[in-house]
Amino acid sequence: MIAKISQGSGFAGTVNYVMDKKDARLLAGKGVRLKGKASIVKNFITQSKMKPNVSKPVAHISLNFSALDKNRLTDKFMVDVAQEYLGKMGYGNTQYIMVRHFDAGHPHLHLVINRIDNNGNRISDKNEKLRNTKVCRELTEKFSLYISSGKENVNKHRLKEPDKTKYEIYRVLKSAVTKCRNWQELEAVLRKSGISIELVKNGSTDKIQGVRFGKNGYEFNGSKVDRAFSYSKINYCLQQNEWAKNIKSKPGYGNKQDVAAGLSSVVGAALSTVGGMFNPPNVSNYDEGYAEHMRQEARRRRKRKKGFRR
């Protein structure tokens, strides 16, 4: 998850922009009447007049999520994430609205916020960009969201070799890894796009320690293509795809109790094997138990790293 922050002087223009988009969906609001755009703007302006010397009382923030998390991002889930974001950024005591848009290839939510809080004080924007980056990272880890490497918005026509080839491999892997069930299937899909794959073993042993991809005469380790494509992370995702196919083929699929039982036994085993680096298949929109497990795993990894440094 990433957030883009801008400031403005007029509530009417910002509110109209976020609410007039095709299929825009008003999800939540605080401190304003949600009867319509006019009432929302009026309430924002009324409160901003408590500090009339502030030239830019409008905060407009877009929360952007990866397309890989699309199936998990229900309206409620996005509101929960956004409300935590607002609290951590110091916007807990002011007016806001949340509007979801569907005009891009990735899920995103627009927040219109009054920088003049309920007590008439201006909410500080000191070090806001740094705080924003930190909060987004915290929430991405807490809710087990996909950590983007920033490649989604790359202008591929401007890339030069070897980055151009690396990006081509990235785009194919991004699609293929979420669909294939094992390494053989993945290799077949990559071969159709002219991409070779090699599992790298540890010395003379049979233990696999990495994966390498090649195209156009260039070769890249999986983690160099993207952190999401290391051997362990791909392997875990393939295991989950296989599990998802098996559970769907069983009688009674769709029964929440059966699914929960399967998630506990099969995914639990996989997590202990490779460390839980990928999200489980989308059996439900959001699994708080799984998210808590991921938070514990992240804390354990941080502790191990600190111990290693010593």
Protein backbone atom coordinates (compact mmCIF):
# COMPACT_ATOMS: atom_id res chain seq x y z
CA MET A 1 0.00 0.00 0.00
CA ILE A 2 1.21 3.50 -0.83
CA ALA A 3 -0.37 6.88 -0.18
CA LYS A 4 -0.10 10.08 -2.19
CA ILE A 5 -0.76 13.31 -0.32
CA SER A 6 -1.67 16.71 -1.73
CA GLN A 7 -2.94 19.96 -0.23
CA GLY A 8 -5.52 22.33 -1.63
CA SER A 9 -7.44 25.48 -0.92
CA GLY A 10 -10.94 24.53 -2.06
CA PHE A 11 -13.14 21.77 -0.70
CA ALA A 12 -15.70 22.02 -3.50
CA GLY A 13 -13.27 21.12 -6.27
CA THR A 14 -11.77 18.18 -4.38
CA VAL A 15 -15.10 16.75 -3.23
CA ASN A 16 -16.58 17.07 -6.72
CA TYR A 17 -13.55 15.35 -8.23
CA VAL A 18 -13.64 12.31 -5.97
CA MET A 19 -17.43 11.91 -6.02
CA ASP A 20 -18.09 12.59 -9.71
CA LYS A 21 -15.91 9.78 -11.03
CA LYS A 22 -17.78 6.98 -12.78
CA ASP A 23 -18.92 4.32 -10.28
CA ALA A 24 -17.40 6.29 -7.38
CA ARG A 25 -18.58 4.83 -4.09
CA LEU A 26 -18.83 6.88 -0.89
CA LEU A 27 -17.81 4.43 1.82
CA ALA A 28 -17.56 6.46 5.01
CA GLY A 29 -17.41 9.91 6.51
CA LYS A 30 -16.90 11.63 9.84
CA GLY A 31 -18.08 15.00 11.05
CA VAL A 32 -20.01 15.82 7.86
CA ARG A 33 -23.54 15.17 6.63
CA LEU A 34 -23.38 12.57 3.85
CA LYS A 35 -26.63 13.71 2.27
CA GLY A 36 -24.86 14.95 -0.85
CA LYS A 37 -21.86 16.87 -2.19
CA ALA A 38 -23.29 20.25 -1.22
CA SER A 39 -23.81 19.34 2.42
CA ILE A 40 -20.34 17.72 2.64
CA VAL A 41 -18.63 20.80 1.21
CA LYS A 42 -20.65 23.13 3.46
CA ASN A 43 -19.66 21.20 6.59
CA PHE A 44 -15.99 21.18 5.58
CA ILE A 45 -15.98 24.93 4.93
CA THR A 46 -17.79 25.74 8.17
CA GLN A 47 -15.14 23.96 10.25
CA SER A 48 -12.24 25.40 8.23
CA LYS A 49 -13.43 28.91 9.11
CA MET A 50 -12.38 28.21 12.70
CA LYS A 51 -8.86 28.93 11.39
CA PRO A 52 -9.50 31.34 8.51
CA ASN A 53 -5.85 32.31 7.97
CA VAL A 54 -4.89 28.82 6.70
CA SER A 55 -4.56 29.03 2.92
CA LYS A 56 -4.72 25.29 2.23
CA PRO A 57 -7.10 23.56 4.63
CA VAL A 58 -7.76 20.62 2.28
CA ALA A 59 -5.84 17.35 2.49
CA HIS A 60 -6.45 14.96 -0.41
CA ILE A 61 -4.91 11.52 0.02
CA SER A 62 -5.19 8.52 -2.28
CA LEU A 63 -4.52 5.11 -0.76
CA ASN A 64 -3.32 2.76 -3.48
CA PHE A 65 -3.23 -1.01 -3.18
CA SER A 66 -1.67 -3.68 -5.37
CA ALA A 67 -3.84 -5.45 -7.93
CA LEU A 68 -2.56 -8.68 -6.37
CA ASP A 69 -4.64 -7.89 -3.27
CA LYS A 70 -7.77 -7.09 -5.26
CA ASN A 71 -9.86 -10.04 -4.09
CA ARG A 72 -9.25 -9.23 -0.43
CA LEU A 73 -10.12 -5.56 -0.66
CA THR A 74 -13.75 -5.35 0.31
CA ASP A 75 -15.19 -1.93 1.13
CA LYS A 76 -15.05 -2.70 4.85
CA PHE A 77 -11.46 -3.87 4.67
CA MET A 78 -10.38 -0.69 2.88
CA VAL A 79 -12.24 1.50 5.39
CA ASP A 80 -10.57 -0.32 8.30
CA VAL A 81 -7.12 0.22 6.78
CA ALA A 82 -7.89 3.86 5.95
CA GLN A 83 -9.13 4.63 9.46
CA GLU A 84 -5.94 3.22 10.98
CA TYR A 85 -3.94 5.23 8.49
CA LEU A 86 -5.75 8.44 9.48
CA GLY A 87 -5.18 7.77 13.16
CA LYS A 88 -1.47 7.12 12.74
CA MET A 89 -1.07 10.22 10.55
CA GLY A 90 -2.70 12.48 13.15
CA TYR A 91 -6.07 12.92 11.39
CA GLY A 92 -8.16 11.17 14.02
CA ASN A 93 -9.79 14.36 15.34
CA THR A 94 -11.13 15.96 12.19
CA GLN A 95 -13.65 15.65 9.36
CA TYR A 96 -13.14 13.33 6.41
CA ILE A 97 -14.84 11.32 3.69
CA MET A 98 -13.67 8.10 2.00
CA VAL A 99 -14.55 7.46 -1.65
CA ARG A 100 -13.58 4.35 -3.59
CA HIS A 101 -12.74 4.61 -7.29
CA PHE A 102 -12.70 1.93 -9.98
CA ASP A 103 -11.05 3.83 -12.83
CA ALA A 104 -7.58 2.28 -12.58
CA GLY A 105 -6.03 -1.16 -12.80
CA HIS A 106 -5.41 -1.25 -9.06
CA PRO A 107 -7.79 -0.77 -6.09
CA HIS A 108 -7.62 2.68 -4.54
CA LEU A 109 -9.44 4.93 -2.12
CA HIS A 110 -9.60 8.74 -1.98
CA LEU A 111 -9.66 10.57 1.35
CA VAL A 112 -10.74 14.20 1.60
CA ILE A 113 -9.73 15.56 4.99
CA ASN A 114 -10.08 18.87 6.81
CA ARG A 115 -6.67 20.05 8.02
CA ILE A 116 -8.50 22.22 10.58
CA ASP A 117 -9.42 19.79 13.34
CA ASN A 118 -12.53 19.70 15.51
CA ASN A 119 -10.89 22.06 18.02
CA GLY A 120 -10.00 24.69 15.43
CA ASN A 121 -6.30 23.81 15.26
CA ARG A 122 -4.35 23.24 12.07
CA ILE A 123 -3.10 19.67 11.76
CA SER A 124 0.66 19.79 11.27
CA ASP A 125 2.19 18.51 8.04
CA LYS A 126 5.73 18.50 9.46
CA ASN A 127 7.73 15.53 8.11
CA GLU A 128 4.50 14.29 6.57
CA LYS A 129 6.14 12.48 3.67
CA LEU A 130 8.47 10.56 5.96
CA ARG A 131 5.66 9.70 8.34
CA ASN A 132 3.50 8.66 5.42
CA THR A 133 6.11 6.21 4.14
CA LYS A 134 6.56 4.71 7.60
CA VAL A 135 2.82 4.34 8.27
CA CYS A 136 2.17 2.75 4.87
CA ARG A 137 4.91 0.21 5.51
CA GLU A 138 3.53 -0.60 8.97
CA LEU A 139 0.00 -1.12 7.69
CA THR A 140 1.18 -3.13 4.69
CA GLU A 141 2.92 -5.54 7.06
CA LYS A 142 0.11 -5.56 9.62
CA PHE A 143 -2.60 -6.44 7.10
CA SER A 144 -0.31 -8.77 5.09
CA LEU A 145 -0.68 -6.72 1.93
CA TYR A 146 1.52 -7.14 -1.11
CA ILE A 147 4.68 -5.08 -0.86
CA SER A 148 5.12 -3.39 -4.20
CA SER A 149 8.57 -2.85 -5.61
CA GLY A 150 7.33 0.16 -7.58
CA LYS A 151 7.41 -1.66 -10.91
CA GLU A 152 3.67 -1.39 -11.50
CA ASN A 153 4.03 2.17 -12.84
CA VAL A 154 7.17 1.69 -14.90
CA ASN A 155 7.20 3.24 -18.38
CA LYS A 156 8.51 0.17 -20.20
CA HIS A 157 9.08 2.07 -23.46
CA ARG A 158 11.82 4.13 -21.79
CA LEU A 159 13.71 1.20 -20.32
CA LYS A 160 17.09 0.16 -21.70
CA GLU A 161 18.81 -3.21 -21.46
CA PRO A 162 19.19 -5.13 -19.25
CA ASP A 163 16.36 -3.43 -17.30
CA LYS A 164 13.99 -3.84 -20.24
CA THR A 165 14.41 -7.63 -20.22
CA LYS A 166 14.23 -7.77 -16.44
CA TYR A 167 10.90 -5.93 -16.56
CA GLU A 168 9.57 -8.30 -19.24
CA ILE A 169 10.39 -11.24 -16.97
CA TYR A 170 8.75 -9.45 -14.04
CA ARG A 171 5.49 -8.90 -15.94
CA VAL A 172 5.25 -12.56 -17.00
CA LEU A 173 6.10 -13.85 -13.52
CA LYS A 174 3.57 -11.53 -11.89
CA SER A 175 0.79 -13.22 -13.83
CA ALA A 176 2.15 -16.78 -14.02
CA VAL A 177 3.06 -17.31 -10.36
CA THR A 178 -0.50 -16.61 -9.21
CA LYS A 179 -1.92 -19.21 -11.63
CA CYS A 180 0.54 -22.12 -11.73
CA ARG A 181 0.45 -24.99 -9.24
CA ASN A 182 4.01 -26.31 -9.49
CA TRP A 183 7.40 -25.57 -10.99
CA GLN A 184 6.71 -27.66 -14.08
CA GLU A 185 3.64 -25.62 -14.95
CA LEU A 186 5.52 -22.39 -14.29
CA GLU A 187 8.39 -23.48 -16.54
CA ALA A 188 5.98 -24.29 -19.37
CA VAL A 189 4.31 -20.87 -19.12
CA LEU A 190 7.63 -19.04 -19.02
CA ARG A 191 8.95 -21.01 -21.98
CA LYS A 192 6.08 -19.72 -24.13
CA SER A 193 7.35 -16.18 -23.43
CA GLY A 194 10.94 -17.10 -24.21
CA ILE A 195 12.01 -17.15 -20.56
CA SER A 196 14.28 -19.88 -19.19
CA ILE A 197 14.28 -21.00 -15.58
CA GLU A 198 16.98 -22.70 -13.53
CA LEU A 199 16.75 -23.93 -9.96
CA VAL A 200 20.07 -23.25 -8.27
CA LYS A 201 21.37 -25.93 -5.91
CA ASN A 202 23.62 -25.50 -2.91
CA GLY A 203 27.05 -26.73 -4.00
CA SER A 204 27.10 -30.44 -4.72
CA THR A 205 23.96 -31.13 -2.67
CA ASP A 206 20.41 -31.51 -3.96
CA LYS A 207 19.16 -28.69 -1.74
CA ILE A 208 17.69 -25.86 -3.82
CA GLN A 209 18.76 -22.43 -2.60
CA GLY A 210 17.60 -20.15 -5.40
CA VAL A 211 16.10 -19.63 -8.83
CA ARG A 212 17.45 -17.89 -11.93
CA PHE A 213 15.56 -16.59 -14.97
CA GLY A 214 16.95 -15.82 -18.40
CA LYS A 215 15.88 -14.07 -21.60
CA ASN A 216 17.53 -12.28 -24.52
CA GLY A 217 20.95 -13.39 -23.33
CA TYR A 218 20.49 -11.91 -19.85
CA GLU A 219 20.11 -13.84 -16.59
CA PHE A 220 18.74 -12.64 -13.24
CA ASN A 221 18.33 -14.23 -9.84
CA GLY A 222 14.66 -14.30 -8.84
CA SER A 223 15.10 -11.81 -6.01
CA LYS A 224 16.84 -9.41 -8.42
CA VAL A 225 13.80 -9.44 -10.70
CA ASP A 226 11.68 -8.60 -7.65
CA ARG A 227 11.75 -9.45 -3.95
CA ALA A 228 8.49 -11.35 -4.43
CA PHE A 229 10.18 -13.80 -6.81
CA SER A 230 12.81 -15.42 -4.65
CA TYR A 231 12.75 -19.22 -4.69
CA SER A 232 11.09 -19.58 -1.28
CA LYS A 233 8.34 -17.06 -2.05
CA ILE A 234 7.50 -18.53 -5.45
CA ASN A 235 7.56 -22.04 -4.01
CA TYR A 236 5.14 -21.07 -1.27
CA CYS A 237 2.76 -19.41 -3.71
CA LEU A 238 2.77 -22.49 -5.95
CA GLN A 239 1.93 -24.66 -2.94
CA GLN A 240 -1.02 -22.44 -2.09
CA ASN A 241 -2.30 -22.52 -5.67
CA GLU A 242 -2.22 -26.33 -5.54
CA TRP A 243 -4.01 -26.33 -2.21
CA ALA A 244 -6.68 -23.95 -3.52
CA LYS A 245 -7.36 -26.20 -6.50
CA ASN A 246 -7.64 -29.29 -4.29
CA ILE A 247 -9.97 -27.68 -1.78
CA LYS A 248 -12.25 -26.37 -4.53
CA SER A 249 -12.56 -29.82 -6.06
CA LYS A 250 -13.75 -31.42 -2.82
CA PRO A 251 -17.45 -31.93 -2.05
CA GLY A 252 -18.83 -29.22 0.19
CA TYR A 253 -16.51 -26.53 -1.11
CA GLY A 254 -17.89 -23.17 -0.05
CA ASN A 255 -18.80 -24.38 3.42
CA LYS A 256 -16.93 -21.97 5.70
CA GLN A 257 -16.24 -24.59 8.36
CA ASP A 258 -14.69 -26.96 5.83
CA VAL A 259 -12.61 -24.17 4.36
CA ALA A 260 -11.44 -23.04 7.78
CA ALA A 261 -10.40 -26.59 8.66
CA GLY A 262 -8.47 -26.91 5.43
CA LEU A 263 -6.81 -23.56 5.96
CA SER A 264 -5.68 -24.54 9.44
CA SER A 265 -4.13 -27.88 8.45
CA VAL A 266 -2.74 -27.33 4.97
CA VAL A 267 -1.71 -23.67 5.08
CA GLY A 268 -0.39 -24.10 8.59
CA ALA A 269 1.95 -26.82 7.38
CA ALA A 270 3.09 -24.71 4.45
CA LEU A 271 3.76 -21.73 6.69
CA SER A 272 6.03 -23.75 8.92
CA THR A 273 7.90 -25.02 5.86
CA VAL A 274 8.73 -21.76 4.08
CA GLY A 275 8.01 -19.06 6.62
CA GLY A 276 4.72 -17.70 5.30
CA MET A 277 6.05 -15.24 2.76
CA PHE A 278 2.92 -15.14 0.59
CA ASN A 279 -0.73 -14.57 1.36
CA PRO A 280 -2.94 -17.69 1.49
CA PRO A 281 -5.51 -18.29 -1.25
CA ASN A 282 -8.51 -16.01 -1.07
CA VAL A 283 -10.92 -18.22 0.85
CA SER A 284 -12.43 -15.25 2.63
CA ASN A 285 -12.06 -11.53 2.20
CA TYR A 286 -9.93 -11.11 5.30
CA ASP A 287 -8.65 -13.53 7.90
CA GLU A 288 -7.66 -11.72 11.10
CA GLY A 289 -6.13 -14.91 12.48
CA TYR A 290 -3.88 -15.21 9.48
CA ALA A 291 -2.95 -11.52 9.66
CA GLU A 292 -1.96 -11.95 13.30
CA HIS A 293 0.16 -14.94 12.37
CA MET A 294 1.92 -12.83 9.73
CA ARG A 295 2.56 -10.07 12.24
CA GLN A 296 4.14 -12.57 14.63
CA GLU A 297 6.27 -13.99 11.83
CA ALA A 298 7.47 -10.49 10.92
CA ARG A 299 8.38 -9.76 14.54
CA ARG A 300 10.32 -13.02 14.81
CA ARG A 301 12.23 -12.26 11.60
CA ARG A 302 13.15 -8.79 12.88
CA LYS A 303 14.40 -10.26 16.16
CA ARG A 304 16.52 -12.82 14.31
CA LYS A 305 18.06 -10.08 12.17
CA LYS A 306 18.89 -7.99 15.22
CA GLY A 307 20.49 -11.00 16.88
CA PHE A 308 22.57 -11.69 13.79
CA ARG A 309 23.88 -8.12 13.73
CA ARG A 310 25.14 -8.45 17.26
